[in-house]
Protein backbone atom coordinates (compact mmCIF):
# COMPACT_ATOMS: atom_id res chain seq x y z
CA UNK A 1 0.00 0.00 0.00
CA UNK A 2 1.28 3.42 -0.90
CA UNK A 3 0.98 6.36 1.45
CA UNK A 4 -1.21 8.10 -1.17
CA UNK A 5 -3.69 5.21 -0.94
CA UNK A 6 -4.59 6.46 2.52
CA UNK A 7 -6.25 9.48 0.88
CA UNK A 8 -8.57 7.14 -1.03
CA UNK A 9 -9.45 5.23 2.15
CA UNK A 10 -9.95 8.47 4.08
CA UNK A 11 -12.29 9.82 1.41
CA UNK A 12 -14.26 6.59 1.24
CA UNK A 13 -14.65 6.56 5.03
CA UNK A 14 -15.88 10.16 4.93
CA UNK A 15 -18.48 9.16 2.32
CA UNK A 16 -19.45 6.11 4.38
CA UNK A 17 -20.12 8.39 7.34
CA UNK A 18 -22.29 10.70 5.23
CA UNK A 19 -19.88 13.63 4.89
CA UNK A 20 -20.98 16.11 2.25
CA UNK A 21 -18.72 15.96 -0.84
CA UNK A 22 -17.81 19.64 -0.44
CA UNK A 23 -16.59 18.94 3.09
CA UNK A 24 -14.51 16.01 1.88
CA UNK A 25 -13.06 18.11 -0.95
CA UNK A 26 -12.14 20.89 1.47
CA UNK A 27 -10.47 18.46 3.87
CA UNK A 28 -8.45 16.95 1.03
CA UNK A 29 -7.55 20.33 -0.45
CA UNK A 30 -9.38 19.74 -3.73
CA UNK A 31 -10.72 22.74 -5.59
CA UNK A 32 -13.55 20.67 -7.06
CA UNK A 33 -15.82 17.98 -5.69
CA UNK A 34 -15.50 16.25 -9.08
CA UNK A 35 -11.92 15.22 -8.26
CA UNK A 36 -12.99 14.00 -4.83
CA UNK A 37 -15.95 12.01 -6.11
CA UNK A 38 -14.50 10.64 -9.34
CA UNK A 39 -10.98 9.77 -8.24
CA UNK A 40 -10.78 9.47 -4.47
CA UNK A 41 -14.08 8.12 -3.17
CA UNK A 42 -15.07 4.52 -3.77
CA UNK A 43 -18.36 2.73 -3.25
CA UNK A 44 -18.15 -0.35 -1.06
CA UNK A 45 -20.49 -3.33 -1.06
CA UNK A 46 -21.66 -2.30 2.42
CA UNK A 47 -22.54 1.17 1.12
CA UNK A 48 -24.56 -0.33 -1.74
CA UNK A 49 -26.36 -2.75 0.57
CA UNK A 50 -27.21 0.01 3.03
CA UNK A 51 -28.58 2.22 0.25
CA UNK A 52 -30.84 -0.57 -0.99
CA UNK A 53 -32.04 -1.32 2.54
CA UNK A 54 -32.87 2.35 3.12
CA UNK A 55 -34.79 2.49 -0.14
CA UNK A 56 -36.67 -0.71 0.68
CA UNK A 57 -37.66 0.78 4.03
CA UNK A 58 -39.48 3.68 2.35
CA UNK A 59 -41.03 1.79 -0.57
CA UNK A 60 -44.18 0.00 0.58
CA UNK A 61 -44.16 -2.42 -2.35
CA UNK A 62 -40.56 -3.45 -1.68
CA UNK A 63 -41.33 -4.69 1.83
CA UNK A 64 -41.54 -8.43 1.99
CA UNK A 65 -39.59 -8.98 -1.22
CA UNK A 66 -37.09 -11.69 -0.44
CA UNK A 67 -35.73 -12.54 -3.87
CA UNK A 68 -34.45 -10.58 -6.83
CA UNK A 69 -36.69 -11.25 -9.85
CA UNK A 70 -34.86 -13.49 -12.33
CA UNK A 71 -34.86 -10.81 -15.02
CA UNK A 72 -32.56 -8.70 -12.80
CA UNK A 73 -30.12 -11.42 -11.84
CA UNK A 74 -26.72 -11.75 -13.49
CA UNK A 75 -26.69 -13.79 -16.63
CA UNK A 76 -30.42 -13.43 -17.26
C-alpha atoms as a PDB file:
ATOM      1  CA  UNK A   1       0.000   0.000   0.000  1.00  0.00           C
ATOM      2  CA  UNK A   2       1.283   3.421  -0.899  1.00  0.00           C
ATOM      3  CA  UNK A   3       0.976   6.364   1.450  1.00  0.00           C
ATOM      4  CA  UNK A   4      -1.206   8.098  -1.165  1.00  0.00           C
ATOM      5  CA  UNK A   5      -3.690   5.207  -0.944  1.00  0.00           C
ATOM      6  CA  UNK A   6      -4.591   6.464   2.525  1.00  0.00           C
ATOM      7  CA  UNK A   7      -6.254   9.480   0.877  1.00  0.00           C
ATOM      8  CA  UNK A   8      -8.573   7.137  -1.026  1.00  0.00           C
ATOM      9  CA  UNK A   9      -9.451   5.233   2.151  1.00  0.00           C
ATOM     10  CA  UNK A  10      -9.948   8.472   4.083  1.00  0.00           C
ATOM     11  CA  UNK A  11     -12.290   9.818   1.410  1.00  0.00           C
ATOM     12  CA  UNK A  12     -14.258   6.586   1.241  1.00  0.00           C
ATOM     13  CA  UNK A  13     -14.650   6.565   5.033  1.00  0.00           C
ATOM     14  CA  UNK A  14     -15.885  10.162   4.932  1.00  0.00           C
ATOM     15  CA  UNK A  15     -18.479   9.160   2.321  1.00  0.00           C
ATOM     16  CA  UNK A  16     -19.447   6.113   4.376  1.00  0.00           C
ATOM     17  CA  UNK A  17     -20.122   8.386   7.342  1.00  0.00           C
ATOM     18  CA  UNK A  18     -22.286  10.699   5.227  1.00  0.00           C
ATOM     19  CA  UNK A  19     -19.880  13.629   4.894  1.00  0.00           C
ATOM     20  CA  UNK A  20     -20.982  16.110   2.251  1.00  0.00           C
ATOM     21  CA  UNK A  21     -18.719  15.957  -0.835  1.00  0.00           C
ATOM     22  CA  UNK A  22     -17.808  19.638  -0.442  1.00  0.00           C
ATOM     23  CA  UNK A  23     -16.590  18.944   3.091  1.00  0.00           C
ATOM     24  CA  UNK A  24     -14.512  16.006   1.877  1.00  0.00           C
ATOM     25  CA  UNK A  25     -13.064  18.111  -0.948  1.00  0.00           C
ATOM     26  CA  UNK A  26     -12.145  20.889   1.470  1.00  0.00           C
ATOM     27  CA  UNK A  27     -10.471  18.456   3.866  1.00  0.00           C
ATOM     28  CA  UNK A  28      -8.448  16.950   1.026  1.00  0.00           C
ATOM     29  CA  UNK A  29      -7.554  20.334  -0.448  1.00  0.00           C
ATOM     30  CA  UNK A  30      -9.379  19.743  -3.726  1.00  0.00           C
ATOM     31  CA  UNK A  31     -10.725  22.739  -5.592  1.00  0.00           C
ATOM     32  CA  UNK A  32     -13.548  20.665  -7.058  1.00  0.00           C
ATOM     33  CA  UNK A  33     -15.824  17.982  -5.690  1.00  0.00           C
ATOM     34  CA  UNK A  34     -15.504  16.255  -9.076  1.00  0.00           C
ATOM     35  CA  UNK A  35     -11.924  15.217  -8.261  1.00  0.00           C
ATOM     36  CA  UNK A  36     -12.987  14.001  -4.828  1.00  0.00           C
ATOM     37  CA  UNK A  37     -15.952  12.011  -6.110  1.00  0.00           C
ATOM     38  CA  UNK A  38     -14.504  10.637  -9.342  1.00  0.00           C
ATOM     39  CA  UNK A  39     -10.976   9.769  -8.237  1.00  0.00           C
ATOM     40  CA  UNK A  40     -10.782   9.474  -4.466  1.00  0.00           C
ATOM     41  CA  UNK A  41     -14.076   8.117  -3.172  1.00  0.00           C
ATOM     42  CA  UNK A  42     -15.067   4.525  -3.770  1.00  0.00           C
ATOM     43  CA  UNK A  43     -18.360   2.728  -3.246  1.00  0.00           C
ATOM     44  CA  UNK A  44     -18.147  -0.349  -1.059  1.00  0.00           C
ATOM     45  CA  UNK A  45     -20.492  -3.325  -1.060  1.00  0.00           C
ATOM     46  CA  UNK A  46     -21.663  -2.295   2.417  1.00  0.00           C
ATOM     47  CA  UNK A  47     -22.538   1.173   1.119  1.00  0.00           C
ATOM     48  CA  UNK A  48     -24.565  -0.331  -1.744  1.00  0.00           C
ATOM     49  CA  UNK A  49     -26.356  -2.754   0.574  1.00  0.00           C
ATOM     50  CA  UNK A  50     -27.214   0.011   3.033  1.00  0.00           C
ATOM     51  CA  UNK A  51     -28.579   2.221   0.245  1.00  0.00           C
ATOM     52  CA  UNK A  52     -30.844  -0.574  -0.986  1.00  0.00           C
ATOM     53  CA  UNK A  53     -32.036  -1.319   2.545  1.00  0.00           C
ATOM     54  CA  UNK A  54     -32.867   2.353   3.119  1.00  0.00           C
ATOM     55  CA  UNK A  55     -34.790   2.491  -0.135  1.00  0.00           C
ATOM     56  CA  UNK A  56     -36.673  -0.710   0.677  1.00  0.00           C
ATOM     57  CA  UNK A  57     -37.662   0.781   4.034  1.00  0.00           C
ATOM     58  CA  UNK A  58     -39.483   3.678   2.351  1.00  0.00           C
ATOM     59  CA  UNK A  59     -41.025   1.794  -0.572  1.00  0.00           C
ATOM     60  CA  UNK A  60     -44.179  -0.002   0.583  1.00  0.00           C
ATOM     61  CA  UNK A  61     -44.163  -2.425  -2.348  1.00  0.00           C
ATOM     62  CA  UNK A  62     -40.561  -3.452  -1.676  1.00  0.00           C
ATOM     63  CA  UNK A  63     -41.334  -4.687   1.832  1.00  0.00           C
ATOM     64  CA  UNK A  64     -41.542  -8.435   1.988  1.00  0.00           C
ATOM     65  CA  UNK A  65     -39.589  -8.976  -1.223  1.00  0.00           C
ATOM     66  CA  UNK A  66     -37.089 -11.690  -0.436  1.00  0.00           C
ATOM     67  CA  UNK A  67     -35.728 -12.543  -3.869  1.00  0.00           C
ATOM     68  CA  UNK A  68     -34.453 -10.575  -6.827  1.00  0.00           C
ATOM     69  CA  UNK A  69     -36.691 -11.250  -9.848  1.00  0.00           C
ATOM     70  CA  UNK A  70     -34.864 -13.494 -12.333  1.00  0.00           C
ATOM     71  CA  UNK A  71     -34.858 -10.808 -15.022  1.00  0.00           C
ATOM     72  CA  UNK A  72     -32.559  -8.697 -12.799  1.00  0.00           C
ATOM     73  CA  UNK A  73     -30.122 -11.425 -11.845  1.00  0.00           C
ATOM     74  CA  UNK A  74     -26.716 -11.748 -13.487  1.00  0.00           C
ATOM     75  CA  UNK A  75     -26.695 -13.793 -16.628  1.00  0.00           C
ATOM     76  CA  UNK A  76     -30.417 -13.428 -17.262  1.00  0.00           C
END
